[in-house]
Protein backbone atom coordinates (compact mmCIF):
# COMPACT_ATOMS: atom_id res chain seq x y z
CA UNK A 1 120.80 86.85 103.98
CA UNK A 2 120.33 86.15 100.23
CA UNK A 3 123.39 85.08 98.18
CA UNK A 4 125.51 87.92 96.77
CA UNK A 5 125.64 87.18 92.98
CA UNK A 6 127.24 90.63 92.32
CA UNK A 7 130.44 90.09 94.36
CA UNK A 8 133.94 91.08 93.43
CA UNK A 9 134.28 88.92 90.25
CA UNK A 10 131.13 90.53 88.74
CA UNK A 11 131.66 93.96 90.16
CA UNK A 12 135.26 94.32 88.79
CA UNK A 13 133.91 94.40 85.15
CA UNK A 14 130.34 95.52 85.66
CA UNK A 15 130.64 99.16 84.59
CA UNK A 16 132.83 98.16 81.66
CA UNK A 17 130.42 95.47 80.37
CA UNK A 18 127.30 97.49 80.86
CA UNK A 19 128.79 100.87 79.72
CA UNK A 20 125.96 101.21 77.15
CA UNK A 21 123.41 101.47 79.90
CA UNK A 22 125.27 104.48 81.33
CA UNK A 23 124.99 106.43 78.09
CA UNK A 24 123.23 109.73 78.57
CA UNK A 25 120.64 108.72 76.02
CA UNK A 26 119.65 105.85 78.34
CA UNK A 27 120.16 107.62 81.71
CA UNK A 28 118.64 111.06 81.08
CA UNK A 29 115.15 109.95 80.56
CA UNK A 30 115.24 107.85 83.73
CA UNK A 31 116.62 110.68 85.74
CA UNK A 32 114.09 113.23 84.34
CA UNK A 33 111.20 110.89 85.30
CA UNK A 34 112.49 110.28 88.82
CA UNK A 35 113.34 113.96 89.45
CA UNK A 36 109.78 114.91 88.66
CA UNK A 37 108.42 112.32 91.12
CA UNK A 38 110.90 113.00 93.97
CA UNK A 39 110.07 116.80 93.92
CA UNK A 40 111.68 118.38 96.90
CA UNK A 41 111.93 115.12 98.76
CA UNK A 42 114.60 112.44 99.10
CA UNK A 43 114.80 109.30 97.00
CA UNK A 44 115.66 105.74 97.95
CA UNK A 45 117.24 103.39 95.39
CA UNK A 46 116.86 99.63 96.00
CA UNK A 47 119.80 97.86 94.54
CA UNK A 48 121.94 101.06 94.08
CA UNK A 49 124.82 99.09 92.58
CA UNK A 50 127.72 101.18 91.29
CA UNK A 51 125.52 104.33 91.06
CA UNK A 52 124.55 104.43 87.43
CA UNK A 53 121.14 106.25 88.36
CA UNK A 54 121.91 107.53 91.78
CA UNK A 55 124.89 109.70 90.91
CA UNK A 56 123.15 111.73 87.99
CA UNK A 57 120.01 111.91 90.22
CA UNK A 58 121.99 113.41 93.04
CA UNK A 59 123.73 115.84 90.60
CA UNK A 60 120.22 117.11 89.85
CA UNK A 61 119.64 118.15 93.44
CA UNK A 62 117.77 115.14 94.80
CA UNK A 63 118.98 113.61 98.12
CA UNK A 64 119.62 109.94 97.47
CA UNK A 65 120.15 107.03 99.75
CA UNK A 66 120.71 103.45 98.60
CA UNK A 67 120.33 99.88 99.73
CA UNK A 68 122.76 97.40 98.27
CA UNK A 69 123.66 93.81 99.16
CA UNK A 70 127.01 93.75 97.28
CA UNK A 71 129.81 95.50 99.12
CA UNK A 72 131.95 95.10 96.08
CA UNK A 73 129.53 97.12 93.94
CA UNK A 74 129.35 99.80 96.59
CA UNK A 75 133.12 99.97 96.66
CA UNK A 76 133.03 100.92 92.98
CA UNK A 77 130.38 103.54 93.67
CA UNK A 78 132.48 105.10 96.41
CA UNK A 79 135.40 105.69 93.90
CA UNK A 80 133.18 108.01 91.65
CA UNK A 81 132.90 111.68 91.80
CA UNK A 82 129.86 112.87 93.87
CA UNK A 83 129.56 109.58 95.79
CA UNK A 84 130.20 111.29 99.01
CA UNK A 85 126.77 112.88 98.71
CA UNK A 86 125.06 109.40 98.59
CA UNK A 87 124.42 107.37 101.75
CA UNK A 88 124.36 103.57 101.40
CA UNK A 89 122.99 100.85 103.69
CA UNK A 90 124.35 97.46 103.14
CA UNK A 91 121.75 94.69 103.17
CA UNK A 92 118.99 92.87 101.35
CA UNK A 93 116.63 95.47 99.94
CA UNK A 94 113.49 93.42 100.62
CA UNK A 95 114.04 93.76 104.46
CA UNK A 96 116.81 96.23 105.12
CA UNK A 97 115.71 99.50 106.80
CA UNK A 98 117.30 102.82 105.61
CA UNK A 99 117.39 105.90 107.88
CA UNK A 100 114.70 108.54 107.26
CA UNK A 101 111.68 108.63 105.13
CA UNK A 102 111.43 109.30 101.32
CA UNK A 103 109.19 110.96 98.71
CA UNK A 104 110.38 108.39 96.17
CA UNK A 105 111.65 104.81 96.13
CA UNK A 106 112.71 103.14 92.89
CA UNK A 107 113.97 99.91 91.27
CA UNK A 108 115.31 99.95 87.82
CA UNK A 109 116.60 97.42 85.20
CA UNK A 110 114.57 94.32 86.36
CA UNK A 111 116.13 94.46 89.88
CA UNK A 112 112.86 93.47 91.52
CA UNK A 113 113.49 90.05 89.82
CA UNK A 114 116.58 89.58 91.98
CA UNK A 115 114.11 88.57 94.73
CA UNK A 116 113.52 84.99 93.73
CA UNK A 117 110.31 84.20 95.52
CA UNK A 118 106.86 85.81 95.62
CA UNK A 119 107.16 86.19 99.29
CA UNK A 120 110.31 88.24 99.05
CA UNK A 121 108.77 90.52 96.45
CA UNK A 122 105.68 91.06 98.68
CA UNK A 123 107.89 91.85 101.64
CA UNK A 124 109.85 94.33 99.41
CA UNK A 125 106.61 96.26 98.72
CA UNK A 126 105.88 96.38 102.45
CA UNK A 127 109.30 97.54 103.19
CA UNK A 128 109.07 100.32 100.68
CA UNK A 129 105.70 101.44 101.92
CA UNK A 130 107.26 101.75 105.48
CA UNK A 131 109.93 104.10 104.09
CA UNK A 132 107.61 106.33 102.06
CA UNK A 133 106.21 109.59 103.21
CA UNK A 134 102.39 110.05 102.95
CA UNK A 135 101.75 110.57 99.18
CA UNK A 136 105.16 109.18 98.25
CA UNK A 137 105.55 106.75 95.39
CA UNK A 138 107.41 103.65 94.29
CA UNK A 139 108.68 103.26 90.70
CA UNK A 140 109.70 100.04 89.18
CA UNK A 141 111.21 99.27 85.72
CA UNK A 142 110.94 95.59 84.79
CA UNK A 143 110.50 93.40 81.73
CA UNK A 144 107.27 91.94 80.61
CA UNK A 145 107.68 88.15 80.18
CA UNK A 146 107.42 87.23 76.58
CA UNK A 147 106.51 83.69 77.06
CA UNK A 148 104.51 83.60 73.90
CA UNK A 149 107.78 83.88 71.99
CA UNK A 150 109.09 80.60 73.31
CA UNK A 151 108.81 77.86 70.77
CA UNK A 152 106.41 75.05 71.79
CA UNK A 153 108.01 72.87 74.40
CA UNK A 154 111.10 75.08 74.84
CA UNK A 155 112.30 76.95 77.91
CA UNK A 156 115.36 78.71 76.44
CA UNK A 157 115.35 82.19 74.89
CA UNK A 158 118.35 83.75 73.31
CA UNK A 159 118.72 87.53 73.93
CA UNK A 160 122.14 88.49 72.83
CA UNK A 161 124.91 87.31 70.57
CA UNK A 162 128.07 89.35 70.02
CA UNK A 163 131.83 88.63 69.59
CA UNK A 164 132.29 89.05 73.37
CA UNK A 165 128.97 88.00 74.83
CA UNK A 166 126.39 85.33 74.52
CA UNK A 167 123.25 85.55 76.55
CA UNK A 168 120.10 83.34 76.95
CA UNK A 169 117.33 82.98 79.50
CA UNK A 170 116.18 79.72 80.95
CA UNK A 171 112.57 79.61 82.14
CA UNK A 172 110.97 77.51 84.91
CA UNK A 173 107.33 77.96 83.89
CA UNK A 174 106.03 76.37 86.97
CA UNK A 175 107.86 78.57 89.49
CA UNK A 176 108.14 81.84 87.51
CA UNK A 177 111.85 81.16 87.64
CA UNK A 178 114.32 82.52 85.21
CA UNK A 179 118.08 81.94 85.03
CA UNK A 180 119.91 84.42 82.89
CA UNK A 181 123.05 82.83 81.42
CA UNK A 182 125.88 85.00 80.37
CA UNK A 183 129.05 83.82 78.58
CA UNK A 184 131.65 86.60 78.38
CA UNK A 185 134.42 85.91 75.89
CA UNK A 186 137.52 87.96 76.76
CA UNK A 187 141.27 87.55 76.34
CA UNK A 188 140.81 84.06 75.03
CA UNK A 189 138.77 82.97 78.05
CA UNK A 190 135.15 82.31 78.77
CA UNK A 191 133.57 83.63 81.92
CA UNK A 192 130.15 82.23 82.93
CA UNK A 193 127.59 84.32 84.97
CA UNK A 194 124.12 82.74 85.67
CA UNK A 195 122.19 84.51 88.23
CA UNK A 196 118.68 83.40 89.21
CA UNK A 197 115.62 85.66 89.01
CA UNK A 198 111.77 85.55 89.45
CA UNK A 199 109.82 87.05 86.65
CA UNK A 200 106.59 88.86 87.71
CA UNK A 201 103.57 90.11 85.86
CA UNK A 202 102.29 93.63 85.97
CA UNK A 203 98.98 92.64 87.61
CA UNK A 204 100.84 90.63 90.16
CA UNK A 205 102.89 93.75 91.15
CA UNK A 206 99.65 95.66 91.47
CA UNK A 207 98.41 93.18 94.00
CA UNK A 208 101.52 93.32 95.86
CA UNK A 209 101.36 97.16 96.04
CA UNK A 210 97.77 96.90 97.22
CA UNK A 211 98.68 94.48 99.94
CA UNK A 212 101.34 97.15 101.11
CA UNK A 213 98.76 99.94 101.20
CA UNK A 214 99.77 101.40 97.78
CA UNK A 215 97.87 101.74 94.48
CA UNK A 216 98.74 102.11 90.82
CA UNK A 217 99.11 105.75 89.68
CA UNK A 218 100.84 105.41 86.28
CA UNK A 219 102.08 102.74 83.98
CA UNK A 220 104.11 103.32 80.67
CA UNK A 221 106.00 101.15 78.24
CA UNK A 222 109.18 103.09 78.91
CA UNK A 223 110.78 106.15 80.69
CA UNK A 224 109.67 108.53 77.93
CA UNK A 225 106.00 107.73 79.01
CA UNK A 226 105.49 105.53 75.93
CA UNK A 227 102.00 103.93 76.02
CA UNK A 228 101.91 100.47 77.73
CA UNK A 229 100.50 98.06 75.35
CA UNK A 230 100.18 94.23 74.62
CA UNK A 231 103.44 94.69 72.62
CA UNK A 232 105.53 96.44 75.31
CA UNK A 233 108.57 94.53 76.29
CA UNK A 234 108.82 96.26 79.62
CA UNK A 235 106.91 98.64 81.87
CA UNK A 236 107.62 101.51 84.13
CA UNK A 237 105.06 101.65 86.86
CA UNK A 238 104.31 104.11 89.63
CA UNK A 239 102.48 103.17 92.76
CA UNK A 240 101.47 105.63 95.40
CA UNK A 241 101.28 105.26 99.13
CA UNK A 242 97.80 105.90 100.45
CA UNK A 243 97.73 108.64 103.08
């Protein structure tokens, strides 16, 4: 089983540190998008975490089940109102099987990059396809690597500086590797969190979908259906399972 980088130490402060991502202005467009694609069917969230998206999605009447590797993150989810309506299967979302079939499966906030090899990402697409009903769809939100912004010869990219947090990404350009370094400054102490990721290109994801029997239906630059262009810093893509 893959290493759990989101264990008790990270889970204990996760909701507090990323509270801005739970703001309705951020969450509502995501939920609106997913509700439309779930229709009357059920939804499967890969990497459900503490329920930032699953809980408001369930409140909109969608039956939600999640797969999550971190038991500590799920424990936080279970303490929240409405969590009793959501089923969770503990395991690696690339290979773990959830009960039932789904009209929608989704991965948000770069979570596909938690799978640190191309093989794992390909297996994830196949696992999703096996869970989808005919005509069902798979939605991913993930960044577009901005390698052209790296200075010549450099492999580090600063992405946040604040009084309580410094963050920078370290790229391995040969392996498509990315280590996201976080330095949290709180109560006079520095806590370091450096999880590894694998960045992936939109066209590469399209091929993974094709190998799993899915094809691209939609691609946007954000959850509000912004056009996807050469300047987009992320994409929201929808692949459909072929009947």
